[in-house]
Amino acid sequence: MARRGEALICGVDEAGRGPIAGPVCAAAVILDPGRPVAGLKDSKLLSAPVRERLAASVQERALAWAIGWASVEEIDRLNILQATLLAMRRAVEGLGRAPEEAWIDGDRCPSLGCRVRAIVGGDRLHAPISAASILAKVARDAEMLKLHARYPQYGLDRHKGYPTPEHLELLARHGACEIHRRTFAPVRHVLGGG
């Protein structure tokens, strides 16, 4: 549900905290109680085709939705937690209508101009957060496919920047490029920083 009592609720979640390459993405969604989207759940529990179908339904039926990003440079400058909170704030500020309350997946909240509530496991518990998790994951995966077209040597189309054995091997072979997070240990190691 998008409303609790009279409060207009937005769900907020992120994708891309764990990868060693690419930006972090957040989404904010205010669902329309009159136009529910069936099948919403944590994006990690859905196949890519189902996520994409649900993302299209959320974008069509939600009262408002927005995507926020934090760049690799911001991740390296701020740290991944602060960059994630920044992306979340950008998503909420991009909604076009101000929510009265934001439900954030996780245990930390960005600074917002409305009430905020951190909910651990919220992407499995509350439809607005599930919707946000789906939009964030679909948007970030699409961005990683664009980056794959520029940097095909890293196999980003397969692992989306996560530190899989394949990615770590390709990182060691080709070295780091501008989309790698220099403050993350595997990249620091390749760059000679231990």
N, C-alpha and C. Protein backbone atom coordinates (compact mmCIF):
# COMPACT_ATOMS: atom_id res chain seq x y z
N MET A 1 0.83 -1.19 0.00
CA MET A 1 0.00 0.00 0.00
C MET A 1 0.87 1.25 0.00
N ALA A 2 0.41 2.28 -0.65
CA ALA A 2 1.17 3.52 -0.70
C ALA A 2 0.78 4.46 0.43
N ARG A 3 -0.35 4.18 1.09
CA ARG A 3 -0.79 5.08 2.17
C ARG A 3 -0.92 4.31 3.47
N ARG A 4 -0.52 4.96 4.53
CA ARG A 4 -0.78 4.43 5.86
C ARG A 4 -1.51 5.55 6.58
N GLY A 5 -2.81 5.35 6.84
CA GLY A 5 -3.60 6.48 7.30
C GLY A 5 -3.69 7.47 6.15
N GLU A 6 -3.27 8.68 6.41
CA GLU A 6 -3.29 9.71 5.37
C GLU A 6 -1.91 10.01 4.80
N ALA A 7 -0.88 9.34 5.31
CA ALA A 7 0.49 9.66 4.89
C ALA A 7 0.77 9.12 3.48
N LEU A 8 1.38 9.95 2.66
CA LEU A 8 1.82 9.54 1.33
C LEU A 8 3.22 8.96 1.49
N ILE A 9 3.34 7.65 1.23
CA ILE A 9 4.57 6.90 1.50
C ILE A 9 5.34 6.69 0.21
N CYS A 10 6.65 6.90 0.26
CA CYS A 10 7.49 6.45 -0.86
C CYS A 10 8.43 5.37 -0.35
N GLY A 11 8.63 4.35 -1.16
CA GLY A 11 9.61 3.32 -0.88
C GLY A 11 10.92 3.68 -1.56
N VAL A 12 12.03 3.36 -0.91
CA VAL A 12 13.35 3.70 -1.45
C VAL A 12 14.28 2.49 -1.29
N ASP A 13 14.99 2.16 -2.35
CA ASP A 13 15.98 1.09 -2.28
C ASP A 13 17.08 1.40 -3.28
N GLU A 14 18.18 0.64 -3.16
CA GLU A 14 19.34 0.86 -4.02
C GLU A 14 19.74 -0.42 -4.72
N ALA A 15 20.58 -0.26 -5.73
CA ALA A 15 21.24 -1.39 -6.39
C ALA A 15 22.67 -0.96 -6.67
N GLY A 16 23.60 -1.87 -6.40
CA GLY A 16 24.98 -1.59 -6.77
C GLY A 16 25.90 -1.18 -5.65
N ARG A 17 25.59 -1.55 -4.41
CA ARG A 17 26.55 -1.25 -3.34
C ARG A 17 27.75 -2.19 -3.38
N GLY A 18 27.54 -3.44 -3.74
CA GLY A 18 28.59 -4.44 -3.68
C GLY A 18 29.57 -4.50 -4.84
N PRO A 19 29.21 -4.03 -6.03
CA PRO A 19 30.14 -4.12 -7.16
C PRO A 19 31.43 -3.32 -6.94
N ILE A 20 32.43 -3.67 -7.74
CA ILE A 20 33.70 -2.92 -7.72
C ILE A 20 33.81 -2.00 -8.92
N ALA A 21 32.75 -1.96 -9.74
CA ALA A 21 32.73 -1.10 -10.92
C ALA A 21 31.33 -0.53 -11.11
N GLY A 22 31.28 0.68 -11.65
CA GLY A 22 30.02 1.31 -11.99
C GLY A 22 29.42 2.10 -10.85
N PRO A 23 28.40 2.91 -11.18
CA PRO A 23 27.75 3.76 -10.19
C PRO A 23 26.84 2.96 -9.27
N VAL A 24 26.38 3.62 -8.22
CA VAL A 24 25.31 3.06 -7.38
C VAL A 24 24.02 3.78 -7.76
N CYS A 25 22.93 3.04 -7.76
CA CYS A 25 21.65 3.55 -8.23
C CYS A 25 20.62 3.40 -7.12
N ALA A 26 19.74 4.36 -6.98
CA ALA A 26 18.63 4.27 -6.04
C ALA A 26 17.35 4.63 -6.77
N ALA A 27 16.25 4.10 -6.27
CA ALA A 27 14.94 4.45 -6.81
C ALA A 27 14.01 4.80 -5.67
N ALA A 28 13.07 5.69 -5.95
CA ALA A 28 12.01 6.06 -5.02
C ALA A 28 10.69 5.90 -5.75
N VAL A 29 9.71 5.31 -5.07
CA VAL A 29 8.42 5.01 -5.70
C VAL A 29 7.28 5.33 -4.74
N ILE A 30 6.29 6.06 -5.24
CA ILE A 30 5.03 6.23 -4.53
C ILE A 30 3.99 5.45 -5.32
N LEU A 31 3.54 4.34 -4.76
CA LEU A 31 2.56 3.51 -5.45
C LEU A 31 1.16 4.14 -5.37
N ASP A 32 0.33 3.81 -6.33
CA ASP A 32 -1.06 4.26 -6.37
C ASP A 32 -1.92 3.13 -5.81
N PRO A 33 -2.56 3.33 -4.65
CA PRO A 33 -3.37 2.25 -4.08
C PRO A 33 -4.49 1.81 -5.02
N GLY A 34 -4.92 2.70 -5.91
CA GLY A 34 -5.98 2.37 -6.86
C GLY A 34 -5.51 1.60 -8.08
N ARG A 35 -4.20 1.50 -8.25
CA ARG A 35 -3.65 0.78 -9.41
C ARG A 35 -2.52 -0.13 -8.94
N PRO A 36 -2.83 -1.18 -8.18
CA PRO A 36 -1.78 -2.04 -7.63
C PRO A 36 -1.02 -2.79 -8.73
N VAL A 37 0.21 -3.14 -8.40
CA VAL A 37 1.06 -3.93 -9.30
C VAL A 37 1.24 -5.30 -8.65
N ALA A 38 0.72 -6.33 -9.29
CA ALA A 38 0.82 -7.68 -8.73
C ALA A 38 2.22 -8.23 -8.92
N GLY A 39 2.68 -9.00 -7.95
CA GLY A 39 3.96 -9.71 -8.08
C GLY A 39 5.17 -8.98 -7.56
N LEU A 40 4.98 -7.84 -6.90
CA LEU A 40 6.13 -7.09 -6.39
C LEU A 40 6.81 -7.88 -5.27
N LYS A 41 8.14 -7.97 -5.35
CA LYS A 41 8.94 -8.57 -4.28
C LYS A 41 10.36 -8.09 -4.46
N ASP A 42 11.22 -8.47 -3.54
CA ASP A 42 12.63 -8.12 -3.61
C ASP A 42 13.18 -8.46 -4.99
N SER A 43 13.83 -7.50 -5.63
CA SER A 43 14.32 -7.70 -7.00
C SER A 43 15.27 -8.88 -7.12
N LYS A 44 15.99 -9.19 -6.03
CA LYS A 44 16.95 -10.30 -6.08
C LYS A 44 16.26 -11.65 -6.21
N LEU A 45 14.96 -11.70 -5.92
CA LEU A 45 14.21 -12.95 -6.00
C LEU A 45 13.53 -13.13 -7.36
N LEU A 46 13.75 -12.20 -8.28
CA LEU A 46 13.07 -12.22 -9.57
C LEU A 46 14.07 -12.41 -10.71
N SER A 47 13.64 -13.07 -11.77
CA SER A 47 14.48 -13.18 -12.97
C SER A 47 14.51 -11.83 -13.68
N ALA A 48 15.50 -11.63 -14.54
CA ALA A 48 15.63 -10.35 -15.25
C ALA A 48 14.39 -10.04 -16.09
N PRO A 49 13.82 -11.00 -16.85
CA PRO A 49 12.62 -10.66 -17.64
C PRO A 49 11.43 -10.26 -16.76
N VAL A 50 11.26 -10.93 -15.61
CA VAL A 50 10.15 -10.57 -14.71
C VAL A 50 10.39 -9.19 -14.11
N ARG A 51 11.65 -8.90 -13.71
CA ARG A 51 11.98 -7.56 -13.18
C ARG A 51 11.65 -6.49 -14.20
N GLU A 52 12.01 -6.72 -15.45
CA GLU A 52 11.78 -5.70 -16.48
C GLU A 52 10.28 -5.49 -16.72
N ARG A 53 9.50 -6.57 -16.70
CA ARG A 53 8.05 -6.45 -16.88
C ARG A 53 7.44 -5.68 -15.71
N LEU A 54 7.86 -6.04 -14.48
CA LEU A 54 7.33 -5.34 -13.31
C LEU A 54 7.77 -3.88 -13.27
N ALA A 55 9.01 -3.61 -13.68
CA ALA A 55 9.48 -2.21 -13.71
C ALA A 55 8.60 -1.38 -14.63
N ALA A 56 8.26 -1.92 -15.80
CA ALA A 56 7.39 -1.19 -16.73
C ALA A 56 6.01 -0.95 -16.11
N SER A 57 5.49 -1.94 -15.38
CA SER A 57 4.19 -1.77 -14.72
C SER A 57 4.25 -0.71 -13.63
N VAL A 58 5.33 -0.74 -12.84
CA VAL A 58 5.49 0.26 -11.78
C VAL A 58 5.56 1.66 -12.39
N GLN A 59 6.35 1.81 -13.45
CA GLN A 59 6.49 3.13 -14.08
C GLN A 59 5.17 3.62 -14.65
N GLU A 60 4.35 2.71 -15.13
CA GLU A 60 3.07 3.09 -15.73
C GLU A 60 2.02 3.41 -14.66
N ARG A 61 2.02 2.67 -13.54
CA ARG A 61 0.93 2.76 -12.58
C ARG A 61 1.22 3.59 -11.33
N ALA A 62 2.49 3.82 -11.01
CA ALA A 62 2.82 4.54 -9.78
C ALA A 62 2.35 5.99 -9.84
N LEU A 63 2.07 6.55 -8.68
CA LEU A 63 1.77 7.99 -8.61
C LEU A 63 3.00 8.80 -8.97
N ALA A 64 4.17 8.31 -8.57
CA ALA A 64 5.44 8.98 -8.89
C ALA A 64 6.57 7.98 -8.72
N TRP A 65 7.61 8.15 -9.52
CA TRP A 65 8.82 7.35 -9.36
C TRP A 65 10.00 8.16 -9.90
N ALA A 66 11.18 7.87 -9.38
CA ALA A 66 12.39 8.56 -9.84
C ALA A 66 13.60 7.70 -9.53
N ILE A 67 14.64 7.91 -10.32
CA ILE A 67 15.93 7.23 -10.16
C ILE A 67 16.97 8.26 -9.75
N GLY A 68 17.85 7.89 -8.82
CA GLY A 68 18.98 8.74 -8.44
C GLY A 68 20.27 7.95 -8.54
N TRP A 69 21.34 8.64 -8.86
CA TRP A 69 22.64 7.99 -9.06
C TRP A 69 23.70 8.65 -8.20
N ALA A 70 24.72 7.88 -7.88
CA ALA A 70 25.98 8.43 -7.37
C ALA A 70 27.09 7.79 -8.20
N SER A 71 27.99 8.61 -8.68
CA SER A 71 29.03 8.18 -9.62
C SER A 71 30.16 7.43 -8.91
N VAL A 72 30.98 6.79 -9.71
CA VAL A 72 32.17 6.12 -9.19
C VAL A 72 33.05 7.12 -8.43
N GLU A 73 33.18 8.33 -8.98
CA GLU A 73 34.00 9.36 -8.32
C GLU A 73 33.41 9.72 -6.95
N GLU A 74 32.08 9.83 -6.88
CA GLU A 74 31.44 10.15 -5.60
C GLU A 74 31.60 8.98 -4.61
N ILE A 75 31.50 7.76 -5.11
CA ILE A 75 31.69 6.58 -4.24
C ILE A 75 33.10 6.61 -3.64
N ASP A 76 34.10 6.88 -4.49
CA ASP A 76 35.49 6.90 -4.01
C ASP A 76 35.75 8.08 -3.07
N ARG A 77 35.08 9.20 -3.31
CA ARG A 77 35.31 10.38 -2.48
C ARG A 77 34.57 10.30 -1.14
N LEU A 78 33.34 9.82 -1.17
CA LEU A 78 32.49 9.86 0.02
C LEU A 78 32.54 8.57 0.84
N ASN A 79 32.63 7.45 0.21
CA ASN A 79 32.53 6.05 0.64
C ASN A 79 31.20 5.52 0.15
N ILE A 80 31.07 4.20 0.08
CA ILE A 80 29.89 3.61 -0.56
C ILE A 80 28.61 3.90 0.22
N LEU A 81 28.66 3.92 1.54
CA LEU A 81 27.45 4.20 2.31
C LEU A 81 26.95 5.61 2.03
N GLN A 82 27.84 6.60 2.14
CA GLN A 82 27.42 7.99 1.93
C GLN A 82 26.97 8.23 0.49
N ALA A 83 27.63 7.58 -0.47
CA ALA A 83 27.22 7.71 -1.87
C ALA A 83 25.85 7.09 -2.09
N THR A 84 25.57 5.97 -1.42
CA THR A 84 24.26 5.34 -1.53
C THR A 84 23.18 6.25 -0.95
N LEU A 85 23.44 6.84 0.20
CA LEU A 85 22.47 7.76 0.81
C LEU A 85 22.25 8.98 -0.09
N LEU A 86 23.31 9.45 -0.76
CA LEU A 86 23.19 10.56 -1.70
C LEU A 86 22.30 10.18 -2.89
N ALA A 87 22.52 8.98 -3.44
CA ALA A 87 21.68 8.52 -4.56
C ALA A 87 20.22 8.41 -4.12
N MET A 88 19.98 7.93 -2.89
CA MET A 88 18.62 7.83 -2.37
C MET A 88 17.98 9.21 -2.25
N ARG A 89 18.74 10.17 -1.72
CA ARG A 89 18.20 11.53 -1.59
C ARG A 89 17.86 12.11 -2.97
N ARG A 90 18.74 11.88 -3.95
CA ARG A 90 18.47 12.37 -5.30
C ARG A 90 17.21 11.74 -5.88
N ALA A 91 17.00 10.44 -5.60
CA ALA A 91 15.80 9.77 -6.11
C ALA A 91 14.54 10.39 -5.49
N VAL A 92 14.53 10.56 -4.17
CA VAL A 92 13.35 11.12 -3.51
C VAL A 92 13.10 12.54 -3.98
N GLU A 93 14.17 13.33 -4.11
CA GLU A 93 14.01 14.72 -4.56
C GLU A 93 13.55 14.80 -6.01
N GLY A 94 13.75 13.73 -6.78
CA GLY A 94 13.33 13.71 -8.18
C GLY A 94 11.90 13.27 -8.41
N LEU A 95 11.16 12.97 -7.35
CA LEU A 95 9.83 12.40 -7.50
C LEU A 95 8.81 13.32 -8.17
N GLY A 96 8.95 14.63 -7.99
CA GLY A 96 7.98 15.53 -8.58
C GLY A 96 6.79 15.80 -7.66
N ARG A 97 6.65 15.00 -6.62
CA ARG A 97 5.68 15.28 -5.56
C ARG A 97 6.33 14.83 -4.26
N ALA A 98 6.12 15.59 -3.22
CA ALA A 98 6.83 15.33 -1.96
C ALA A 98 6.08 14.27 -1.15
N PRO A 99 6.75 13.19 -0.80
CA PRO A 99 6.12 12.22 0.10
C PRO A 99 6.10 12.77 1.53
N GLU A 100 5.18 12.25 2.31
CA GLU A 100 5.15 12.63 3.73
C GLU A 100 6.08 11.75 4.54
N GLU A 101 6.35 10.56 4.02
CA GLU A 101 7.21 9.63 4.73
C GLU A 101 7.94 8.78 3.70
N ALA A 102 9.21 8.47 3.98
CA ALA A 102 10.00 7.60 3.11
C ALA A 102 10.40 6.37 3.90
N TRP A 103 10.11 5.22 3.32
CA TRP A 103 10.52 3.95 3.90
C TRP A 103 11.76 3.48 3.17
N ILE A 104 12.87 3.37 3.89
CA ILE A 104 14.17 3.06 3.31
C ILE A 104 14.53 1.61 3.59
N ASP A 105 14.92 0.87 2.56
CA ASP A 105 15.39 -0.49 2.80
C ASP A 105 16.76 -0.43 3.46
N GLY A 106 16.91 -1.07 4.60
CA GLY A 106 18.20 -1.10 5.28
C GLY A 106 18.13 -0.50 6.67
N ASP A 107 19.31 -0.19 7.21
CA ASP A 107 19.37 0.31 8.59
C ASP A 107 19.86 1.75 8.68
N ARG A 108 20.04 2.42 7.54
CA ARG A 108 20.49 3.83 7.53
C ARG A 108 19.55 4.63 6.64
N CYS A 109 19.33 5.86 7.02
CA CYS A 109 18.43 6.73 6.27
C CYS A 109 19.16 7.95 5.73
N PRO A 110 18.84 8.35 4.50
CA PRO A 110 19.36 9.62 4.00
C PRO A 110 18.65 10.78 4.70
N SER A 111 19.25 11.94 4.63
CA SER A 111 18.63 13.15 5.16
C SER A 111 17.62 13.65 4.13
N LEU A 112 16.35 13.68 4.52
CA LEU A 112 15.29 14.07 3.59
C LEU A 112 14.41 15.13 4.24
N GLY A 113 13.58 15.76 3.42
CA GLY A 113 12.67 16.78 3.91
C GLY A 113 11.35 16.20 4.38
N CYS A 114 11.31 14.92 4.71
CA CYS A 114 10.10 14.28 5.21
C CYS A 114 10.51 13.28 6.29
N ARG A 115 9.53 12.67 6.94
CA ARG A 115 9.84 11.62 7.90
C ARG A 115 10.50 10.46 7.17
N VAL A 116 11.45 9.81 7.83
CA VAL A 116 12.12 8.65 7.23
C VAL A 116 12.09 7.50 8.21
N ARG A 117 12.02 6.31 7.65
CA ARG A 117 11.98 5.10 8.47
C ARG A 117 12.85 4.05 7.81
N ALA A 118 13.84 3.56 8.53
CA ALA A 118 14.69 2.48 8.02
C ALA A 118 14.02 1.15 8.34
N ILE A 119 13.94 0.27 7.35
CA ILE A 119 13.31 -1.04 7.52
C ILE A 119 14.25 -2.10 6.97
N VAL A 120 14.90 -2.85 7.86
CA VAL A 120 15.79 -3.93 7.42
C VAL A 120 14.93 -5.01 6.77
N GLY A 121 15.33 -5.41 5.56
CA GLY A 121 14.54 -6.40 4.81
C GLY A 121 13.26 -5.83 4.24
N GLY A 122 13.17 -4.51 4.16
CA GLY A 122 11.95 -3.86 3.69
C GLY A 122 11.57 -4.22 2.27
N ASP A 123 12.56 -4.59 1.44
CA ASP A 123 12.25 -4.94 0.05
C ASP A 123 11.46 -6.25 -0.04
N ARG A 124 11.46 -7.02 1.05
CA ARG A 124 10.65 -8.25 1.08
C ARG A 124 9.33 -8.04 1.81
N LEU A 125 9.19 -6.92 2.51
CA LEU A 125 8.05 -6.70 3.40
C LEU A 125 7.02 -5.71 2.89
N HIS A 126 7.45 -4.71 2.15
CA HIS A 126 6.57 -3.59 1.79
C HIS A 126 6.63 -3.33 0.29
N ALA A 127 5.46 -3.30 -0.34
CA ALA A 127 5.38 -3.14 -1.79
C ALA A 127 6.09 -1.89 -2.32
N PRO A 128 6.00 -0.72 -1.67
CA PRO A 128 6.70 0.44 -2.24
C PRO A 128 8.22 0.25 -2.28
N ILE A 129 8.77 -0.44 -1.27
CA ILE A 129 10.21 -0.69 -1.27
C ILE A 129 10.56 -1.76 -2.31
N SER A 130 9.70 -2.78 -2.43
CA SER A 130 9.92 -3.80 -3.47
C SER A 130 9.94 -3.14 -4.84
N ALA A 131 8.99 -2.24 -5.08
CA ALA A 131 8.93 -1.55 -6.37
C ALA A 131 10.21 -0.75 -6.61
N ALA A 132 10.69 -0.07 -5.57
CA ALA A 132 11.92 0.70 -5.70
C ALA A 132 13.11 -0.22 -5.98
N SER A 133 13.15 -1.38 -5.32
CA SER A 133 14.28 -2.30 -5.54
C SER A 133 14.30 -2.78 -6.99
N ILE A 134 13.12 -3.01 -7.55
CA ILE A 134 13.02 -3.47 -8.94
C ILE A 134 13.49 -2.37 -9.90
N LEU A 135 13.00 -1.14 -9.70
CA LEU A 135 13.39 -0.04 -10.59
C LEU A 135 14.89 0.22 -10.52
N ALA A 136 15.46 0.20 -9.31
CA ALA A 136 16.89 0.46 -9.15
C ALA A 136 17.71 -0.62 -9.85
N LYS A 137 17.34 -1.87 -9.66
CA LYS A 137 18.09 -2.97 -10.27
C LYS A 137 18.00 -2.93 -11.79
N VAL A 138 16.83 -2.69 -12.33
CA VAL A 138 16.66 -2.64 -13.79
C VAL A 138 17.45 -1.46 -14.37
N ALA A 139 17.39 -0.31 -13.71
CA ALA A 139 18.12 0.87 -14.20
C ALA A 139 19.63 0.64 -14.15
N ARG A 140 20.11 0.06 -13.05
CA ARG A 140 21.56 -0.15 -12.95
C ARG A 140 22.04 -1.20 -13.94
N ASP A 141 21.28 -2.28 -14.10
CA ASP A 141 21.68 -3.30 -15.08
C ASP A 141 21.76 -2.70 -16.48
N ALA A 142 20.80 -1.84 -16.83
CA ALA A 142 20.83 -1.19 -18.15
C ALA A 142 22.06 -0.31 -18.29
N GLU A 143 22.41 0.41 -17.22
CA GLU A 143 23.62 1.25 -17.26
C GLU A 143 24.87 0.40 -17.42
N MET A 144 24.92 -0.76 -16.75
CA MET A 144 26.10 -1.62 -16.87
C MET A 144 26.21 -2.21 -18.27
N LEU A 145 25.10 -2.45 -18.94
CA LEU A 145 25.16 -2.92 -20.33
C LEU A 145 25.72 -1.83 -21.24
N LYS A 146 25.37 -0.57 -20.97
CA LYS A 146 25.97 0.54 -21.74
C LYS A 146 27.47 0.60 -21.50
N LEU A 147 27.88 0.43 -20.23
CA LEU A 147 29.31 0.46 -19.93
C LEU A 147 30.03 -0.74 -20.56
N HIS A 148 29.34 -1.88 -20.65
CA HIS A 148 29.93 -3.05 -21.31
C HIS A 148 30.25 -2.74 -22.77
N ALA A 149 29.40 -1.98 -23.43
CA ALA A 149 29.65 -1.63 -24.84
C ALA A 149 30.93 -0.81 -24.97
N ARG A 150 31.26 -0.01 -23.94
CA ARG A 150 32.49 0.79 -23.97
C ARG A 150 33.70 0.02 -23.48
N TYR A 151 33.48 -0.92 -22.56
CA TYR A 151 34.58 -1.67 -21.95
C TYR A 151 34.29 -3.18 -22.00
N PRO A 152 34.21 -3.75 -23.20
CA PRO A 152 33.81 -5.16 -23.32
C PRO A 152 34.80 -6.14 -22.68
N GLN A 153 36.04 -5.71 -22.48
CA GLN A 153 37.06 -6.62 -21.96
C GLN A 153 36.79 -7.08 -20.52
N TYR A 154 35.85 -6.45 -19.82
CA TYR A 154 35.61 -6.81 -18.42
C TYR A 154 34.39 -7.72 -18.23
N GLY A 155 33.63 -7.99 -19.27
CA GLY A 155 32.47 -8.88 -19.14
C GLY A 155 31.35 -8.32 -18.28
N LEU A 156 31.18 -7.00 -18.29
CA LEU A 156 30.18 -6.36 -17.43
C LEU A 156 28.76 -6.82 -17.73
N ASP A 157 28.51 -7.29 -18.95
CA ASP A 157 27.18 -7.77 -19.29
C ASP A 157 26.80 -9.01 -18.49
N ARG A 158 27.79 -9.73 -18.00
CA ARG A 158 27.53 -10.96 -17.27
C ARG A 158 27.47 -10.75 -15.75
N HIS A 159 28.37 -9.94 -15.20
CA HIS A 159 28.43 -9.82 -13.74
C HIS A 159 28.04 -8.44 -13.23
N LYS A 160 27.77 -7.50 -14.12
CA LYS A 160 27.29 -6.15 -13.75
C LYS A 160 28.22 -5.42 -12.79
N GLY A 161 29.52 -5.76 -12.82
CA GLY A 161 30.49 -5.06 -12.00
C GLY A 161 30.77 -5.70 -10.66
N TYR A 162 30.04 -6.77 -10.32
CA TYR A 162 30.29 -7.46 -9.05
C TYR A 162 31.64 -8.17 -9.10
N PRO A 163 32.27 -8.40 -7.96
CA PRO A 163 33.61 -9.01 -7.93
C PRO A 163 33.56 -10.53 -8.07
N THR A 164 33.02 -11.01 -9.18
CA THR A 164 32.99 -12.44 -9.45
C THR A 164 34.41 -12.92 -9.79
N PRO A 165 34.66 -14.23 -9.71
CA PRO A 165 35.99 -14.72 -10.12
C PRO A 165 36.36 -14.27 -11.54
N GLU A 166 35.39 -14.28 -12.45
CA GLU A 166 35.67 -13.85 -13.82
C GLU A 166 36.09 -12.38 -13.85
N HIS A 167 35.33 -11.53 -13.14
CA HIS A 167 35.66 -10.10 -13.16
C HIS A 167 37.03 -9.85 -12.54
N LEU A 168 37.32 -10.53 -11.44
CA LEU A 168 38.62 -10.34 -10.79
C LEU A 168 39.76 -10.79 -11.70
N GLU A 169 39.55 -11.87 -12.44
CA GLU A 169 40.58 -12.32 -13.37
C GLU A 169 40.79 -11.31 -14.51
N LEU A 170 39.68 -10.78 -15.05
CA LEU A 170 39.78 -9.80 -16.13
C LEU A 170 40.36 -8.48 -15.63
N LEU A 171 40.04 -8.12 -14.40
CA LEU A 171 40.62 -6.92 -13.79
C LEU A 171 42.13 -7.07 -13.66
N ALA A 172 42.58 -8.25 -13.22
CA ALA A 172 44.02 -8.50 -13.09
C ALA A 172 44.70 -8.47 -14.46
N ARG A 173 44.01 -9.01 -15.47
CA ARG A 173 44.60 -9.09 -16.81
C ARG A 173 44.67 -7.72 -17.49
N HIS A 174 43.60 -6.93 -17.37
CA HIS A 174 43.51 -5.67 -18.13
C HIS A 174 43.80 -4.43 -17.29
N GLY A 175 43.88 -4.60 -15.97
CA GLY A 175 44.04 -3.44 -15.10
C GLY A 175 42.71 -2.73 -14.91
N ALA A 176 42.71 -1.75 -14.03
CA ALA A 176 41.49 -0.99 -13.74
C ALA A 176 41.30 0.10 -14.78
N CYS A 177 40.04 0.46 -15.02
CA CYS A 177 39.74 1.59 -15.89
C CYS A 177 38.91 2.60 -15.10
N GLU A 178 38.43 3.63 -15.76
CA GLU A 178 37.78 4.74 -15.06
C GLU A 178 36.48 4.36 -14.36
N ILE A 179 35.88 3.22 -14.71
CA ILE A 179 34.63 2.84 -14.07
C ILE A 179 34.84 1.97 -12.84
N HIS A 180 36.10 1.63 -12.52
CA HIS A 180 36.38 0.83 -11.33
C HIS A 180 36.49 1.71 -10.09
N ARG A 181 35.96 1.23 -8.99
CA ARG A 181 35.96 1.95 -7.73
C ARG A 181 37.32 1.78 -7.06
N ARG A 182 38.12 2.82 -7.08
CA ARG A 182 39.50 2.73 -6.64
C ARG A 182 39.68 2.49 -5.15
N THR A 183 38.65 2.78 -4.36
CA THR A 183 38.75 2.57 -2.92
C THR A 183 38.35 1.15 -2.50
N PHE A 184 37.89 0.35 -3.45
CA PHE A 184 37.50 -1.03 -3.14
C PHE A 184 38.73 -1.92 -3.23
N ALA A 185 38.88 -2.83 -2.27
CA ALA A 185 40.11 -3.61 -2.10
C ALA A 185 40.62 -4.31 -3.37
N PRO A 186 39.78 -5.02 -4.15
CA PRO A 186 40.33 -5.69 -5.34
C PRO A 186 40.93 -4.70 -6.35
N VAL A 187 40.32 -3.53 -6.47
CA VAL A 187 40.83 -2.52 -7.41
C VAL A 187 42.10 -1.88 -6.85
N ARG A 188 42.07 -1.55 -5.55
CA ARG A 188 43.28 -1.01 -4.91
C ARG A 188 44.45 -1.96 -5.10
N HIS A 189 44.21 -3.25 -4.95
CA HIS A 189 45.27 -4.26 -5.09
C HIS A 189 45.86 -4.23 -6.51
N VAL A 190 45.00 -4.18 -7.51
CA VAL A 190 45.47 -4.13 -8.90
C VAL A 190 46.27 -2.84 -9.16
N LEU A 191 45.85 -1.77 -8.52
CA LEU A 191 46.53 -0.48 -8.70
C LEU A 191 47.81 -0.38 -7.86
N GLY A 192 48.10 -1.43 -7.11
CA GLY A 192 49.34 -1.45 -6.33
C GLY A 192 49.22 -0.86 -4.95
N GLY A 193 47.97 -0.66 -4.50
CA GLY A 193 47.78 -0.05 -3.17
C GLY A 193 47.51 -1.06 -2.07
N GLY A 194 47.79 -2.34 -2.32
CA GLY A 194 47.53 -3.35 -1.30
C GLY A 194 46.13 -3.75 -1.37
